Protein backbone atom coordinates (compact mmCIF):
# COMPACT_ATOMS: atom_id res chain seq x y z
CA UNK A 1 -22.40 17.64 -10.84
CA UNK A 2 -18.72 17.01 -11.42
CA UNK A 3 -16.31 13.76 -9.98
CA UNK A 4 -13.64 13.96 -7.65
CA UNK A 5 -11.31 12.75 -11.30
CA UNK A 6 -12.59 15.66 -13.20
CA UNK A 7 -12.08 18.59 -10.54
CA UNK A 8 -8.14 16.91 -10.27
CA UNK A 9 -7.60 17.09 -13.76
CA UNK A 10 -9.50 20.60 -14.17
CA UNK A 11 -6.94 21.38 -11.37
CA UNK A 12 -3.60 19.79 -12.58
CA UNK A 13 -3.91 21.22 -15.87
CA UNK A 14 -4.76 24.76 -14.31
CA UNK A 15 -1.49 24.14 -11.82
CA UNK A 16 0.81 23.15 -14.85
CA UNK A 17 0.23 26.66 -16.10
CA UNK A 18 1.81 28.44 -12.77
CA UNK A 19 5.11 29.84 -13.27
CA UNK A 20 6.58 27.97 -10.53
CA UNK A 21 5.60 24.39 -11.95
CA UNK A 22 6.69 25.68 -15.22
CA UNK A 23 10.34 26.30 -14.41
CA UNK A 24 10.46 22.34 -13.42
CA UNK A 25 11.75 20.90 -16.17
CA UNK A 26 11.93 16.89 -15.31
CA UNK A 27 8.35 15.28 -15.52
CA UNK A 28 8.91 13.31 -12.22
CA UNK A 29 10.02 15.91 -10.69
CA UNK A 30 7.14 18.45 -11.69
CA UNK A 31 4.58 15.98 -10.97
CA UNK A 32 6.13 14.68 -7.36
CA UNK A 33 5.74 18.99 -6.89
CA UNK A 34 2.60 18.90 -7.81
CA UNK A 35 1.52 15.74 -5.96
CA UNK A 36 2.98 16.86 -2.83
CA UNK A 37 2.32 20.74 -2.63
CA UNK A 38 -0.60 21.32 -4.62
CA UNK A 39 -3.18 18.84 -3.09
CA UNK A 40 -6.05 21.49 -2.82
CA UNK A 41 -8.70 19.33 -0.57
CA UNK A 42 -7.37 19.98 3.41
CA UNK A 43 -6.33 16.41 4.82
CA UNK A 44 -4.85 14.02 2.31
CA UNK A 45 -6.83 11.12 2.95
CA UNK A 46 -9.88 9.13 1.99
CA UNK A 47 -11.78 9.09 -1.78
CA UNK A 48 -10.64 12.91 -3.07
CA UNK A 49 -6.58 11.96 -2.25
CA UNK A 50 -6.70 8.43 -3.42
CA UNK A 51 -8.21 10.13 -6.72
CA UNK A 52 -5.86 12.79 -6.51
CA UNK A 53 -2.82 10.52 -6.80
CA UNK A 54 -4.13 8.27 -9.74
CA UNK A 55 -4.99 10.92 -11.97
CA UNK A 56 -1.48 12.70 -10.56
CA UNK A 57 -0.13 9.10 -11.48
CA UNK A 58 -2.12 9.75 -15.41
CA UNK A 59 -0.92 13.31 -15.95
CA UNK A 60 2.77 11.85 -15.22
CA UNK A 61 2.41 8.83 -17.73
CA UNK A 62 0.64 11.20 -20.45
CA UNK A 63 3.68 13.69 -20.39
CA UNK A 64 5.94 11.92 -20.13
CA UNK A 65 4.40 9.83 -23.83
CA UNK A 66 4.37 13.62 -25.20
CA UNK A 67 8.23 14.00 -24.27
CA UNK A 68 9.06 11.21 -26.84
């Protein structure tokens, strides 16, 4: 059984390869777009959404570190 964190992480990695996302060069803009437009699990509430926000924040930090 996978956790919400694992699902979110795998999904974000997949979404980062989408052409519409690749065109966004700024990391903050890219992650804002993913966070707001690519949420995969229905209503933005409860535990899955909280985990989604946490994982998006972690990926934003990781991408910024990789850029530097």
